[in-house]
Amino acid sequence: MIGILFSVALVVVIGNRMSTDAMAVVVGVGCGVLASIPTSLLMI
């Protein structure tokens, strides 16, 4: 529970300090990684 709260607080602090363009890049990379997981599992 403490780890989850720490992670959420860390994301909020980093999100407030990043520019809009940098945040868009991070979200895009995250979505790309999440989209590649099912594809990789299907290939296996």
PDB file of N, CA and C in Angstrom:
ATOM      1  N   MET A   1       0.827  -1.193   0.000  1.00  0.00           N
ATOM      2  CA  MET A   1       0.000   0.000   0.000  1.00  0.00           C
ATOM      3  C   MET A   1       0.872   1.258   0.000  1.00  0.00           C
ATOM      4  N   ILE A   2       1.920   1.228   0.806  1.00  0.00           N
ATOM      5  CA  ILE A   2       2.821   2.390   0.868  1.00  0.00           C
ATOM      6  C   ILE A   2       3.535   2.566  -0.466  1.00  0.00           C
ATOM      7  N   GLY A   3       3.905   1.466  -1.103  1.00  0.00           N
ATOM      8  CA  GLY A   3       4.577   1.539  -2.398  1.00  0.00           C
ATOM      9  C   GLY A   3       3.692   2.157  -3.465  1.00  0.00           C
ATOM     10  N   ILE A   4       2.401   1.818  -3.443  1.00  0.00           N
ATOM     11  CA  ILE A   4       1.464   2.386  -4.411  1.00  0.00           C
ATOM     12  C   ILE A   4       1.314   3.882  -4.194  1.00  0.00           C
ATOM     13  N   LEU A   5       1.173   4.286  -2.934  1.00  0.00           N
ATOM     14  CA  LEU A   5       1.052   5.719  -2.634  1.00  0.00           C
ATOM     15  C   LEU A   5       2.311   6.484  -3.036  1.00  0.00           C
ATOM     16  N   PHE A   6       3.470   5.890  -2.800  1.00  0.00           N
ATOM     17  CA  PHE A   6       4.724   6.525  -3.186  1.00  0.00           C
ATOM     18  C   PHE A   6       4.809   6.664  -4.700  1.00  0.00           C
ATOM     19  N   SER A   7       4.404   5.633  -5.417  1.00  0.00           N
ATOM     20  CA  SER A   7       4.446   5.670  -6.885  1.00  0.00           C
ATOM     21  C   SER A   7       3.518   6.751  -7.434  1.00  0.00           C
ATOM     22  N   VAL A   8       2.316   6.834  -6.885  1.00  0.00           N
ATOM     23  CA  VAL A   8       1.366   7.851  -7.342  1.00  0.00           C
ATOM     24  C   VAL A   8       1.905   9.250  -7.063  1.00  0.00           C
ATOM     25  N   ALA A   9       2.460   9.457  -5.880  1.00  0.00           N
ATOM     26  CA  ALA A   9       3.024  10.769  -5.544  1.00  0.00           C
ATOM     27  C   ALA A   9       4.187  11.116  -6.465  1.00  0.00           C
ATOM     28  N   LEU A  10       5.008  10.140  -6.783  1.00  0.00           N
ATOM     29  CA  LEU A  10       6.145  10.369  -7.674  1.00  0.00           C
ATOM     30  C   LEU A  10       5.679  10.745  -9.077  1.00  0.00           C
ATOM     31  N   VAL A  11       4.661  10.062  -9.571  1.00  0.00           N
ATOM     32  CA  VAL A  11       4.122  10.372 -10.895  1.00  0.00           C
ATOM     33  C   VAL A  11       3.540  11.778 -10.926  1.00  0.00           C
ATOM     34  N   VAL A  12       2.857  12.177  -9.864  1.00  0.00           N
ATOM     35  CA  VAL A  12       2.264  13.514  -9.813  1.00  0.00           C
ATOM     36  C   VAL A  12       3.351  14.576  -9.804  1.00  0.00           C
ATOM     37  N   VAL A  13       4.384  14.385  -9.019  1.00  0.00           N
ATOM     38  CA  VAL A  13       5.470  15.376  -8.946  1.00  0.00           C
ATOM     39  C   VAL A  13       6.189  15.477 -10.284  1.00  0.00           C
ATOM     40  N   ILE A  14       6.512  14.346 -10.887  1.00  0.00           N
ATOM     41  CA  ILE A  14       7.200  14.365 -12.176  1.00  0.00           C
ATOM     42  C   ILE A  14       6.299  14.962 -13.246  1.00  0.00           C
ATOM     43  N   GLY A  15       5.009  14.619 -13.212  1.00  0.00           N
ATOM     44  CA  GLY A  15       4.063  15.154 -14.189  1.00  0.00           C
ATOM     45  C   GLY A  15       3.932  16.662 -14.123  1.00  0.00           C
ATOM     46  N   ASN A  16       4.020  17.219 -12.932  1.00  0.00           N
ATOM     47  CA  ASN A  16       3.922  18.674 -12.792  1.00  0.00           C
ATOM     48  C   ASN A  16       5.172  19.388 -13.298  1.00  0.00           C
ATOM     49  N   ARG A  17       6.304  18.748 -13.262  1.00  0.00           N
ATOM     50  CA  ARG A  17       7.562  19.392 -13.649  1.00  0.00           C
ATOM     51  C   ARG A  17       7.896  19.226 -15.126  1.00  0.00           C
ATOM     52  N   MET A  18       7.292  18.230 -15.788  1.00  0.00           N
ATOM     53  CA  MET A  18       7.608  17.979 -17.194  1.00  0.00           C
ATOM     54  C   MET A  18       6.826  18.911 -18.106  1.00  0.00           C
ATOM     55  N   SER A  19       7.409  19.222 -19.246  1.00  0.00           N
ATOM     56  CA  SER A  19       6.696  20.020 -20.232  1.00  0.00           C
ATOM     57  C   SER A  19       5.636  19.156 -20.914  1.00  0.00           C
ATOM     58  N   THR A  20       4.747  19.789 -21.631  1.00  0.00           N
ATOM     59  CA  THR A  20       3.674  19.066 -22.310  1.00  0.00           C
ATOM     60  C   THR A  20       4.235  18.124 -23.372  1.00  0.00           C
ATOM     61  N   ASP A  21       5.250  18.594 -24.100  1.00  0.00           N
ATOM     62  CA  ASP A  21       5.849  17.756 -25.145  1.00  0.00           C
ATOM     63  C   ASP A  21       6.534  16.522 -24.549  1.00  0.00           C
ATOM     64  N   ALA A  22       7.252  16.715 -23.451  1.00  0.00           N
ATOM     65  CA  ALA A  22       7.927  15.578 -22.812  1.00  0.00           C
ATOM     66  C   ALA A  22       6.911  14.578 -22.274  1.00  0.00           C
ATOM     67  N   MET A  23       5.817  15.077 -21.728  1.00  0.00           N
ATOM     68  CA  MET A  23       4.778  14.181 -21.217  1.00  0.00           C
ATOM     69  C   MET A  23       4.137  13.391 -22.356  1.00  0.00           C
ATOM     70  N   ALA A  24       3.948  14.025 -23.500  1.00  0.00           N
ATOM     71  CA  ALA A  24       3.372  13.337 -24.654  1.00  0.00           C
ATOM     72  C   ALA A  24       4.296  12.220 -25.129  1.00  0.00           C
ATOM     73  N   VAL A  25       5.591  12.455 -25.104  1.00  0.00           N
ATOM     74  CA  VAL A  25       6.551  11.425 -25.509  1.00  0.00           C
ATOM     75  C   VAL A  25       6.497  10.243 -24.542  1.00  0.00           C
ATOM     76  N   VAL A  26       6.448  10.522 -23.253  1.00  0.00           N
ATOM     77  CA  VAL A  26       6.412   9.457 -22.249  1.00  0.00           C
ATOM     78  C   VAL A  26       5.134   8.627 -22.393  1.00  0.00           C
ATOM     79  N   VAL A  27       4.000   9.300 -22.580  1.00  0.00           N
ATOM     80  CA  VAL A  27       2.735   8.588 -22.748  1.00  0.00           C
ATOM     81  C   VAL A  27       2.758   7.753 -24.029  1.00  0.00           C
ATOM     82  N   GLY A  28       3.312   8.292 -25.097  1.00  0.00           N
ATOM     83  CA  GLY A  28       3.407   7.553 -26.351  1.00  0.00           C
ATOM     84  C   GLY A  28       4.272   6.321 -26.234  1.00  0.00           C
ATOM     85  N   VAL A  29       5.388   6.438 -25.558  1.00  0.00           N
ATOM     86  CA  VAL A  29       6.267   5.280 -25.362  1.00  0.00           C
ATOM     87  C   VAL A  29       5.563   4.236 -24.501  1.00  0.00           C
ATOM     88  N   GLY A  30       4.887   4.686 -23.458  1.00  0.00           N
ATOM     89  CA  GLY A  30       4.159   3.751 -22.596  1.00  0.00           C
ATOM     90  C   GLY A  30       3.073   3.013 -23.355  1.00  0.00           C
ATOM     91  N   CYS A  31       2.324   3.716 -24.192  1.00  0.00           N
ATOM     92  CA  CYS A  31       1.275   3.069 -24.992  1.00  0.00           C
ATOM     93  C   CYS A  31       1.880   2.096 -25.993  1.00  0.00           C
ATOM     94  N   GLY A  32       3.011   2.433 -26.571  1.00  0.00           N
ATOM     95  CA  GLY A  32       3.677   1.528 -27.509  1.00  0.00           C
ATOM     96  C   GLY A  32       4.138   0.251 -26.841  1.00  0.00           C
ATOM     97  N   VAL A  33       4.670   0.372 -25.650  1.00  0.00           N
ATOM     98  CA  VAL A  33       5.113  -0.817 -24.909  1.00  0.00           C
ATOM     99  C   VAL A  33       3.914  -1.678 -24.540  1.00  0.00           C
ATOM    100  N   LEU A  34       2.840  -1.052 -24.063  1.00  0.00           N
ATOM    101  CA  LEU A  34       1.643  -1.817 -23.698  1.00  0.00           C
ATOM    102  C   LEU A  34       1.019  -2.496 -24.918  1.00  0.00           C
ATOM    103  N   ALA A  35       1.093  -1.851 -26.074  1.00  0.00           N
ATOM    104  CA  ALA A  35       0.529  -2.447 -27.283  1.00  0.00           C
ATOM    105  C   ALA A  35       1.393  -3.601 -27.790  1.00  0.00           C
ATOM    106  N   SER A  36       2.677  -3.577 -27.508  1.00  0.00           N
ATOM    107  CA  SER A  36       3.551  -4.635 -28.009  1.00  0.00           C
ATOM    108  C   SER A  36       3.481  -5.910 -27.168  1.00  0.00           C
ATOM    109  N   ILE A  37       3.001  -5.826 -25.948  1.00  0.00           N
ATOM    110  CA  ILE A  37       2.959  -7.007 -25.079  1.00  0.00           C
ATOM    111  C   ILE A  37       2.028  -8.083 -25.645  1.00  0.00           C
ATOM    112  N   PRO A  38       0.771  -7.780 -25.990  1.00  0.00           N
ATOM    113  CA  PRO A  38      -0.077  -8.844 -26.548  1.00  0.00           C
ATOM    114  C   PRO A  38       0.457  -9.395 -27.869  1.00  0.00           C
ATOM    115  N   THR A  39       1.035  -8.528 -28.682  1.00  0.00           N
ATOM    116  CA  THR A  39       1.607  -8.984 -29.952  1.00  0.00           C
ATOM    117  C   THR A  39       2.749  -9.957 -29.700  1.00  0.00           C
ATOM    118  N   SER A  40       3.585  -9.650 -28.746  1.00  0.00           N
ATOM    119  CA  SER A  40       4.698 -10.545 -28.421  1.00  0.00           C
ATOM    120  C   SER A  40       4.193 -11.883 -27.887  1.00  0.00           C
ATOM    121  N   LEU A  41       3.133 -11.837 -27.071  1.00  0.00           N
ATOM    122  CA  LEU A  41       2.584 -13.077 -26.541  1.00  0.00           C
ATOM    123  C   LEU A  41       1.967 -13.931 -27.648  1.00  0.00           C
ATOM    124  N   LEU A  42       1.339 -13.295 -28.631  1.00  0.00           N
ATOM    125  CA  LEU A  42       0.767 -14.039 -29.739  1.00  0.00           C
ATOM    126  C   LEU A  42       1.846 -14.687 -30.602  1.00  0.00           C
ATOM    127  N   MET A  43       2.966 -14.018 -30.734  1.00  0.00           N
ATOM    128  CA  MET A  43       4.054 -14.570 -31.539  1.00  0.00           C
ATOM    129  C   MET A  43       4.695 -15.779 -30.855  1.00  0.00           C
ATOM    130  N   ILE A  44       4.658 -15.796 -29.554  1.00  0.00           N
ATOM    131  CA  ILE A  44       5.245 -16.922 -28.799  1.00  0.00           C
ATOM    132  C   ILE A  44       4.286 -18.084 -28.874  1.00  0.00           C
TER     133      ILE A  44
END
